[in-house]
Amino acid sequence: MVVGIRSYLEHNHIIVEVTDNGIGISNNDINNIMLPFYTTKDEGKGTGLGLSICYQIIKEMNGSIEITSEPAHGTKIKLVMDIENLK
């Protein structure tokens, strides 16, 4: 498993990208992973709240989370935050 983290400034936005070369996320799941209590893990292995909580925090700060994934090739999560909202 390789995980990459990249951060940069673009048009008054702070961008943080996290990528991996894991198994990826299926098209069916990618549309639901931000929903509270949605999980693909076995029962007792997770609550399905992690990404939902992150999404709500970023959203309340007027930011966004973009997720792209290709099954069997990996996933990229991109956080975008306006610098003005971080002051």
PDB file of N, CA and C in Angstrom:
ATOM      1  N   MET A   1       0.850  -1.179   0.000  1.00  0.00           N
ATOM      2  CA  MET A   1       0.000   0.000   0.000  1.00  0.00           C
ATOM      3  C   MET A   1       0.890   1.234   0.000  1.00  0.00           C
ATOM      4  N   VAL A   2       0.597   2.142  -0.901  1.00  0.00           N
ATOM      5  CA  VAL A   2       1.291   3.426  -0.963  1.00  0.00           C
ATOM      6  C   VAL A   2       0.260   4.521  -0.761  1.00  0.00           C
ATOM      7  N   VAL A   3       0.540   5.431   0.180  1.00  0.00           N
ATOM      8  CA  VAL A   3      -0.329   6.569   0.432  1.00  0.00           C
ATOM      9  C   VAL A   3       0.474   7.827   0.161  1.00  0.00           C
ATOM     10  N   GLY A   4      -0.117   8.733  -0.615  1.00  0.00           N
ATOM     11  CA  GLY A   4       0.535   9.999  -0.917  1.00  0.00           C
ATOM     12  C   GLY A   4      -0.289  11.147  -0.373  1.00  0.00           C
ATOM     13  N   ILE A   5       0.398  12.165   0.126  1.00  0.00           N
ATOM     14  CA  ILE A   5      -0.280  13.366   0.620  1.00  0.00           C
ATOM     15  C   ILE A   5       0.384  14.560  -0.037  1.00  0.00           C
ATOM     16  N   ARG A   6      -0.428  15.416  -0.611  1.00  0.00           N
ATOM     17  CA  ARG A   6       0.071  16.591  -1.313  1.00  0.00           C
ATOM     18  C   ARG A   6      -0.785  17.781  -0.895  1.00  0.00           C
ATOM     19  N   SER A   7      -0.166  18.898  -0.588  1.00  0.00           N
ATOM     20  CA  SER A   7      -0.927  20.114  -0.278  1.00  0.00           C
ATOM     21  C   SER A   7      -0.344  21.266  -1.088  1.00  0.00           C
ATOM     22  N   TYR A   8      -1.232  22.169  -1.496  1.00  0.00           N
ATOM     23  CA  TYR A   8      -0.789  23.305  -2.289  1.00  0.00           C
ATOM     24  C   TYR A   8      -1.847  24.397  -2.264  1.00  0.00           C
ATOM     25  N   LEU A   9      -1.445  25.572  -2.706  1.00  0.00           N
ATOM     26  CA  LEU A   9      -2.319  26.738  -2.756  1.00  0.00           C
ATOM     27  C   LEU A   9      -2.709  26.982  -4.207  1.00  0.00           C
ATOM     28  N   GLU A  10      -4.004  27.192  -4.443  1.00  0.00           N
ATOM     29  CA  GLU A  10      -4.489  27.440  -5.801  1.00  0.00           C
ATOM     30  C   GLU A  10      -5.660  28.408  -5.743  1.00  0.00           C
ATOM     31  N   HIS A  11      -5.517  29.595  -6.318  1.00  0.00           N
ATOM     32  CA  HIS A  11      -6.589  30.598  -6.387  1.00  0.00           C
ATOM     33  C   HIS A  11      -7.238  30.838  -5.020  1.00  0.00           C
ATOM     34  N   ASN A  12      -6.434  31.163  -4.023  1.00  0.00           N
ATOM     35  CA  ASN A  12      -6.909  31.439  -2.662  1.00  0.00           C
ATOM     36  C   ASN A  12      -7.585  30.254  -1.993  1.00  0.00           C
ATOM     37  N   HIS A  13      -7.278  29.065  -2.452  1.00  0.00           N
ATOM     38  CA  HIS A  13      -7.784  27.847  -1.827  1.00  0.00           C
ATOM     39  C   HIS A  13      -6.612  26.970  -1.412  1.00  0.00           C
ATOM     40  N   ILE A  14      -6.742  26.379  -0.243  1.00  0.00           N
ATOM     41  CA  ILE A  14      -5.781  25.371   0.185  1.00  0.00           C
ATOM     42  C   ILE A  14      -6.332  24.031  -0.272  1.00  0.00           C
ATOM     43  N   ILE A  15      -5.508  23.282  -0.973  1.00  0.00           N
ATOM     44  CA  ILE A  15      -5.902  21.971  -1.481  1.00  0.00           C
ATOM     45  C   ILE A  15      -5.049  20.919  -0.777  1.00  0.00           C
ATOM     46  N   VAL A  16      -5.700  19.891  -0.264  1.00  0.00           N
ATOM     47  CA  VAL A  16      -4.996  18.742   0.301  1.00  0.00           C
ATOM     48  C   VAL A  16      -5.510  17.508  -0.433  1.00  0.00           C
ATOM     49  N   GLU A  17      -4.595  16.777  -1.052  1.00  0.00           N
ATOM     50  CA  GLU A  17      -4.953  15.558  -1.776  1.00  0.00           C
ATOM     51  C   GLU A  17      -4.311  14.354  -1.092  1.00  0.00           C
ATOM     52  N   VAL A  18      -5.112  13.351  -0.851  1.00  0.00           N
ATOM     53  CA  VAL A  18      -4.628  12.095  -0.293  1.00  0.00           C
ATOM     54  C   VAL A  18      -4.946  11.010  -1.314  1.00  0.00           C
ATOM     55  N   THR A  19      -3.929  10.289  -1.746  1.00  0.00           N
ATOM     56  CA  THR A  19      -4.114   9.232  -2.743  1.00  0.00           C
ATOM     57  C   THR A  19      -3.595   7.912  -2.198  1.00  0.00           C
ATOM     58  N   ASP A  20      -4.138   6.842  -2.723  1.00  0.00           N
ATOM     59  CA  ASP A  20      -3.593   5.524  -2.394  1.00  0.00           C
ATOM     60  C   ASP A  20      -3.685   4.626  -3.623  1.00  0.00           C
ATOM     61  N   ASN A  21      -3.016   3.510  -3.561  1.00  0.00           N
ATOM     62  CA  ASN A  21      -3.059   2.551  -4.660  1.00  0.00           C
ATOM     63  C   ASN A  21      -3.775   1.281  -4.222  1.00  0.00           C
ATOM     64  N   GLY A  22      -4.758   1.442  -3.336  1.00  0.00           N
ATOM     65  CA  GLY A  22      -5.499   0.304  -2.786  1.00  0.00           C
ATOM     66  C   GLY A  22      -6.520  -0.265  -3.748  1.00  0.00           C
ATOM     67  N   ILE A  23      -7.498  -0.938  -3.183  1.00  0.00           N
ATOM     68  CA  ILE A  23      -8.496  -1.647  -3.995  1.00  0.00           C
ATOM     69  C   ILE A  23      -9.518  -0.729  -4.638  1.00  0.00           C
ATOM     70  N   GLY A  24      -9.550   0.539  -4.230  1.00  0.00           N
ATOM     71  CA  GLY A  24     -10.503   1.477  -4.798  1.00  0.00           C
ATOM     72  C   GLY A  24     -11.880   1.350  -4.179  1.00  0.00           C
ATOM     73  N   ILE A  25     -12.773   2.174  -4.653  1.00  0.00           N
ATOM     74  CA  ILE A  25     -14.150   2.208  -4.162  1.00  0.00           C
ATOM     75  C   ILE A  25     -15.061   1.982  -5.353  1.00  0.00           C
ATOM     76  N   SER A  26     -16.011   1.084  -5.207  1.00  0.00           N
ATOM     77  CA  SER A  26     -16.923   0.796  -6.321  1.00  0.00           C
ATOM     78  C   SER A  26     -17.804   2.008  -6.611  1.00  0.00           C
ATOM     79  N   ASN A  27     -18.299   2.080  -7.834  1.00  0.00           N
ATOM     80  CA  ASN A  27     -19.189   3.176  -8.218  1.00  0.00           C
ATOM     81  C   ASN A  27     -20.441   3.224  -7.350  1.00  0.00           C
ATOM     82  N   ASN A  28     -20.966   2.073  -6.956  1.00  0.00           N
ATOM     83  CA  ASN A  28     -22.145   2.045  -6.087  1.00  0.00           C
ATOM     84  C   ASN A  28     -21.840   2.639  -4.726  1.00  0.00           C
ATOM     85  N   ASP A  29     -20.671   2.314  -4.175  1.00  0.00           N
ATOM     86  CA  ASP A  29     -20.316   2.789  -2.838  1.00  0.00           C
ATOM     87  C   ASP A  29     -19.897   4.253  -2.822  1.00  0.00           C
ATOM     88  N   ILE A  30     -19.234   4.725  -3.856  1.00  0.00           N
ATOM     89  CA  ILE A  30     -18.698   6.086  -3.842  1.00  0.00           C
ATOM     90  C   ILE A  30     -19.800   7.131  -3.692  1.00  0.00           C
ATOM     91  N   ASN A  31     -20.997   6.826  -4.163  1.00  0.00           N
ATOM     92  CA  ASN A  31     -22.118   7.755  -4.031  1.00  0.00           C
ATOM     93  C   ASN A  31     -22.708   7.766  -2.626  1.00  0.00           C
ATOM     94  N   ASN A  32     -22.318   6.811  -1.789  1.00  0.00           N
ATOM     95  CA  ASN A  32     -22.917   6.686  -0.456  1.00  0.00           C
ATOM     96  C   ASN A  32     -21.939   6.873   0.694  1.00  0.00           C
ATOM     97  N   ILE A  33     -20.644   6.912   0.430  1.00  0.00           N
ATOM     98  CA  ILE A  33     -19.679   6.855   1.537  1.00  0.00           C
ATOM     99  C   ILE A  33     -19.708   8.060   2.462  1.00  0.00           C
ATOM    100  N   MET A  34     -20.311   9.161   2.059  1.00  0.00           N
ATOM    101  CA  MET A  34     -20.418  10.327   2.941  1.00  0.00           C
ATOM    102  C   MET A  34     -21.676  10.277   3.815  1.00  0.00           C
ATOM    103  N   LEU A  35     -22.529   9.308   3.579  1.00  0.00           N
ATOM    104  CA  LEU A  35     -23.761   9.192   4.365  1.00  0.00           C
ATOM    105  C   LEU A  35     -23.458   8.637   5.753  1.00  0.00           C
ATOM    106  N   PRO A  36     -24.119   9.193   6.791  1.00  0.00           N
ATOM    107  CA  PRO A  36     -23.907   8.667   8.143  1.00  0.00           C
ATOM    108  C   PRO A  36     -24.284   7.188   8.216  1.00  0.00           C
ATOM    109  N   PHE A  37     -23.480   6.429   8.909  1.00  0.00           N
ATOM    110  CA  PHE A  37     -23.681   5.008   9.191  1.00  0.00           C
ATOM    111  C   PHE A  37     -23.543   4.098   7.977  1.00  0.00           C
ATOM    112  N   TYR A  38     -23.097   4.655   6.839  1.00  0.00           N
ATOM    113  CA  TYR A  38     -22.853   3.806   5.671  1.00  0.00           C
ATOM    114  C   TYR A  38     -21.455   3.213   5.803  1.00  0.00           C
ATOM    115  N   THR A  39     -21.360   1.909   5.720  1.00  0.00           N
ATOM    116  CA  THR A  39     -20.063   1.251   5.787  1.00  0.00           C
ATOM    117  C   THR A  39     -20.075   0.003   4.921  1.00  0.00           C
ATOM    118  N   THR A  40     -18.922  -0.337   4.433  1.00  0.00           N
ATOM    119  CA  THR A  40     -18.779  -1.581   3.679  1.00  0.00           C
ATOM    120  C   THR A  40     -18.048  -2.619   4.518  1.00  0.00           C
ATOM    121  N   LYS A  41     -17.724  -2.242   5.751  1.00  0.00           N
ATOM    122  CA  LYS A  41     -17.004  -3.149   6.653  1.00  0.00           C
ATOM    123  C   LYS A  41     -17.968  -4.140   7.288  1.00  0.00           C
ATOM    124  N   ASP A  42     -17.407  -5.236   7.772  1.00  0.00           N
ATOM    125  CA  ASP A  42     -18.203  -6.228   8.485  1.00  0.00           C
ATOM    126  C   ASP A  42     -18.787  -5.612   9.753  1.00  0.00           C
ATOM    127  N   GLU A  43     -19.891  -6.164  10.204  1.00  0.00           N
ATOM    128  CA  GLU A  43     -20.544  -5.690  11.416  1.00  0.00           C
ATOM    129  C   GLU A  43     -19.559  -5.708  12.585  1.00  0.00           C
ATOM    130  N   GLY A  44     -19.546  -4.618  13.340  1.00  0.00           N
ATOM    131  CA  GLY A  44     -18.647  -4.504  14.474  1.00  0.00           C
ATOM    132  C   GLY A  44     -17.268  -3.975  14.132  1.00  0.00           C
ATOM    133  N   LYS A  45     -16.993  -3.748  12.856  1.00  0.00           N
ATOM    134  CA  LYS A  45     -15.663  -3.286  12.425  1.00  0.00           C
ATOM    135  C   LYS A  45     -15.611  -1.790  12.147  1.00  0.00           C
ATOM    136  N   GLY A  46     -16.724  -1.117  12.180  1.00  0.00           N
ATOM    137  CA  GLY A  46     -16.742   0.324  11.932  1.00  0.00           C
ATOM    138  C   GLY A  46     -18.148   0.860  12.081  1.00  0.00           C
ATOM    139  N   THR A  47     -18.246   2.162  12.327  1.00  0.00           N
ATOM    140  CA  THR A  47     -19.564   2.769  12.543  1.00  0.00           C
ATOM    141  C   THR A  47     -20.124   3.443  11.301  1.00  0.00           C
ATOM    142  N   GLY A  48     -19.264   3.723  10.325  1.00  0.00           N
ATOM    143  CA  GLY A  48     -19.735   4.453   9.151  1.00  0.00           C
ATOM    144  C   GLY A  48     -19.899   5.934   9.429  1.00  0.00           C
ATOM    145  N   LEU A  49     -19.206   6.445  10.440  1.00  0.00           N
ATOM    146  CA  LEU A  49     -19.334   7.862  10.784  1.00  0.00           C
ATOM    147  C   LEU A  49     -18.113   8.703  10.404  1.00  0.00           C
ATOM    148  N   GLY A  50     -16.966   8.089  10.195  1.00  0.00           N
ATOM    149  CA  GLY A  50     -15.729   8.841   9.963  1.00  0.00           C
ATOM    150  C   GLY A  50     -15.813   9.830   8.820  1.00  0.00           C
ATOM    151  N   LEU A  51     -16.116   9.375   7.627  1.00  0.00           N
ATOM    152  CA  LEU A  51     -16.192  10.276   6.473  1.00  0.00           C
ATOM    153  C   LEU A  51     -17.371  11.235   6.581  1.00  0.00           C
ATOM    154  N   SER A  52     -18.465  10.781   7.174  1.00  0.00           N
ATOM    155  CA  SER A  52     -19.631  11.645   7.349  1.00  0.00           C
ATOM    156  C   SER A  52     -19.296  12.833   8.246  1.00  0.00           C
ATOM    157  N   ILE A  53     -18.585  12.575   9.339  1.00  0.00           N
ATOM    158  CA  ILE A  53     -18.195  13.648  10.245  1.00  0.00           C
ATOM    159  C   ILE A  53     -17.217  14.593   9.562  1.00  0.00           C
ATOM    160  N   CYS A  54     -16.235  14.049   8.862  1.00  0.00           N
ATOM    161  CA  CYS A  54     -15.282  14.888   8.120  1.00  0.00           C
ATOM    162  C   CYS A  54     -16.000  15.758   7.100  1.00  0.00           C
ATOM    163  N   TYR A  55     -16.925  15.166   6.380  1.00  0.00           N
ATOM    164  CA  TYR A  55     -17.682  15.897   5.363  1.00  0.00           C
ATOM    165  C   TYR A  55     -18.444  17.063   5.986  1.00  0.00           C
ATOM    166  N   GLN A  56     -19.089  16.831   7.133  1.00  0.00           N
ATOM    167  CA  GLN A  56     -19.860  17.889   7.795  1.00  0.00           C
ATOM    168  C   GLN A  56     -18.963  19.022   8.271  1.00  0.00           C
ATOM    169  N   ILE A  57     -17.803  18.700   8.828  1.00  0.00           N
ATOM    170  CA  ILE A  57     -16.877  19.731   9.293  1.00  0.00           C
ATOM    171  C   ILE A  57     -16.389  20.586   8.121  1.00  0.00           C
ATOM    172  N   ILE A  58     -15.967  19.935   7.053  1.00  0.00           N
ATOM    173  CA  ILE A  58     -15.481  20.670   5.876  1.00  0.00           C
ATOM    174  C   ILE A  58     -16.603  21.504   5.269  1.00  0.00           C
ATOM    175  N   LYS A  59     -17.795  20.943   5.194  1.00  0.00           N
ATOM    176  CA  LYS A  59     -18.949  21.656   4.632  1.00  0.00           C
ATOM    177  C   LYS A  59     -19.294  22.895   5.467  1.00  0.00           C
ATOM    178  N   GLU A  60     -19.249  22.771   6.794  1.00  0.00           N
ATOM    179  CA  GLU A  60     -19.543  23.911   7.671  1.00  0.00           C
ATOM    180  C   GLU A  60     -18.512  25.020   7.519  1.00  0.00           C
ATOM    181  N   MET A  61     -17.329  24.682   7.044  1.00  0.00           N
ATOM    182  CA  MET A  61     -16.283  25.671   6.803  1.00  0.00           C
ATOM    183  C   MET A  61     -16.308  26.147   5.344  1.00  0.00           C
ATOM    184  N   ASN A  62     -17.402  25.848   4.636  1.00  0.00           N
ATOM    185  CA  ASN A  62     -17.592  26.212   3.226  1.00  0.00           C
ATOM    186  C   ASN A  62     -16.534  25.605   2.315  1.00  0.00           C
ATOM    187  N   GLY A  63     -16.057  24.430   2.683  1.00  0.00           N
ATOM    188  CA  GLY A  63     -15.107  23.707   1.853  1.00  0.00           C
ATOM    189  C   GLY A  63     -15.805  22.570   1.126  1.00  0.00           C
ATOM    190  N   SER A  64     -15.002  21.773   0.446  1.00  0.00           N
ATOM    191  CA  SER A  64     -15.573  20.635  -0.270  1.00  0.00           C
ATOM    192  C   SER A  64     -14.623  19.445  -0.206  1.00  0.00           C
ATOM    193  N   ILE A  65     -15.199  18.282  -0.378  1.00  0.00           N
ATOM    194  CA  ILE A  65     -14.444  17.043  -0.483  1.00  0.00           C
ATOM    195  C   ILE A  65     -14.839  16.392  -1.793  1.00  0.00           C
ATOM    196  N   GLU A  66     -13.837  16.082  -2.607  1.00  0.00           N
ATOM    197  CA  GLU A  66     -14.077  15.392  -3.875  1.00  0.00           C
ATOM    198  C   GLU A  66     -13.382  14.039  -3.802  1.00  0.00           C
ATOM    199  N   ILE A  67     -14.112  12.993  -4.159  1.00  0.00           N
ATOM    200  CA  ILE A  67     -13.528  11.656  -4.122  1.00  0.00           C
ATOM    201  C   ILE A  67     -13.648  11.025  -5.498  1.00  0.00           C
ATOM    202  N   THR A  68     -12.515  10.573  -6.002  1.00  0.00           N
ATOM    203  CA  THR A  68     -12.495   9.819  -7.253  1.00  0.00           C
ATOM    204  C   THR A  68     -11.786   8.501  -6.982  1.00  0.00           C
ATOM    205  N   SER A  69     -12.254   7.462  -7.634  1.00  0.00           N
ATOM    206  CA  SER A  69     -11.671   6.154  -7.393  1.00  0.00           C
ATOM    207  C   SER A  69     -11.823   5.277  -8.610  1.00  0.00           C
ATOM    208  N   GLU A  70     -10.851   4.426  -8.781  1.00  0.00           N
ATOM    209  CA  GLU A  70     -10.905   3.428  -9.843  1.00  0.00           C
ATOM    210  C   GLU A  70     -10.679   2.072  -9.183  1.00  0.00           C
ATOM    211  N   PRO A  71     -11.730   1.237  -9.172  1.00  0.00           N
ATOM    212  CA  PRO A  71     -11.573  -0.072  -8.545  1.00  0.00           C
ATOM    213  C   PRO A  71     -10.325  -0.798  -9.034  1.00  0.00           C
ATOM    214  N   ALA A  72      -9.591  -1.380  -8.091  1.00  0.00           N
ATOM    215  CA  ALA A  72      -8.346  -2.121  -8.318  1.00  0.00           C
ATOM    216  C   ALA A  72      -7.143  -1.220  -8.597  1.00  0.00           C
ATOM    217  N   HIS A  73      -7.333   0.114  -8.592  1.00  0.00           N
ATOM    218  CA  HIS A  73      -6.218   1.016  -8.874  1.00  0.00           C
ATOM    219  C   HIS A  73      -6.012   2.096  -7.832  1.00  0.00           C
ATOM    220  N   GLY A  74      -6.983   2.375  -6.980  1.00  0.00           N
ATOM    221  CA  GLY A  74      -6.778   3.362  -5.927  1.00  0.00           C
ATOM    222  C   GLY A  74      -7.818   4.459  -5.883  1.00  0.00           C
ATOM    223  N   THR A  75      -7.595   5.355  -4.928  1.00  0.00           N
ATOM    224  CA  THR A  75      -8.562   6.408  -4.627  1.00  0.00           C
ATOM    225  C   THR A  75      -7.827   7.716  -4.400  1.00  0.00           C
ATOM    226  N   LYS A  76      -8.490   8.830  -4.761  1.00  0.00           N
ATOM    227  CA  LYS A  76      -7.973  10.166  -4.448  1.00  0.00           C
ATOM    228  C   LYS A  76      -9.071  10.948  -3.740  1.00  0.00           C
ATOM    229  N   ILE A  77      -8.706  11.499  -2.585  1.00  0.00           N
ATOM    230  CA  ILE A  77      -9.610  12.374  -1.839  1.00  0.00           C
ATOM    231  C   ILE A  77      -8.992  13.762  -1.864  1.00  0.00           C
ATOM    232  N   LYS A  78      -9.773  14.734  -2.318  1.00  0.00           N
ATOM    233  CA  LYS A  78      -9.292  16.106  -2.461  1.00  0.00           C
ATOM    234  C   LYS A  78     -10.131  17.021  -1.568  1.00  0.00           C
ATOM    235  N   LEU A  79      -9.460  17.668  -0.604  1.00  0.00           N
ATOM    236  CA  LEU A  79     -10.105  18.642   0.271  1.00  0.00           C
ATOM    237  C   LEU A  79      -9.791  20.027  -0.258  1.00  0.00           C
ATOM    238  N   VAL A  80     -10.811  20.868  -0.375  1.00  0.00           N
ATOM    239  CA  VAL A  80     -10.630  22.228  -0.877  1.00  0.00           C
ATOM    240  C   VAL A  80     -11.209  23.193   0.152  1.00  0.00           C
ATOM    241  N   MET A  81     -10.355  24.110   0.631  1.00  0.00           N
ATOM    242  CA  MET A  81     -10.769  25.074   1.633  1.00  0.00           C
ATOM    243  C   MET A  81     -10.375  26.479   1.178  1.00  0.00           C
ATOM    244  N   ASP A  82     -11.312  27.414   1.269  1.00  0.00           N
ATOM    245  CA  ASP A  82     -11.037  28.808   0.961  1.00  0.00           C
ATOM    246  C   ASP A  82     -10.225  29.409   2.101  1.00  0.00           C
ATOM    247  N   ILE A  83      -9.115  30.057   1.785  1.00  0.00           N
ATOM    248  CA  ILE A  83      -8.260  30.643   2.822  1.00  0.00           C
ATOM    249  C   ILE A  83      -9.029  31.622   3.690  1.00  0.00           C
ATOM    250  N   GLU A  84      -9.929  32.382   3.126  1.00  0.00           N
ATOM    251  CA  GLU A  84     -10.688  33.383   3.889  1.00  0.00           C
ATOM    252  C   GLU A  84     -11.500  32.727   5.006  1.00  0.00           C
ATOM    253  N   ASN A  85     -11.949  31.510   4.812  1.00  0.00           N
ATOM    254  CA  ASN A  85     -12.750  30.824   5.830  1.00  0.00           C
ATOM    255  C   ASN A  85     -11.902  30.241   6.953  1.00  0.00           C
ATOM    256  N   LEU A  86     -10.587  30.279   6.805  1.00  0.00           N
ATOM    257  CA  LEU A  86      -9.693  29.710   7.814  1.00  0.00           C
ATOM    258  C   LEU A  86      -9.153  30.756   8.767  1.00  0.00           C
ATOM    259  N   LYS A  87      -9.469  32.010   8.533  1.00  0.00           N
ATOM    260  CA  LYS A  87      -8.956  33.103   9.391  1.00  0.00           C
ATOM    261  C   LYS A  87      -9.779  33.250  10.635  1.00  0.00           C
TER     262      LYS A  87
END
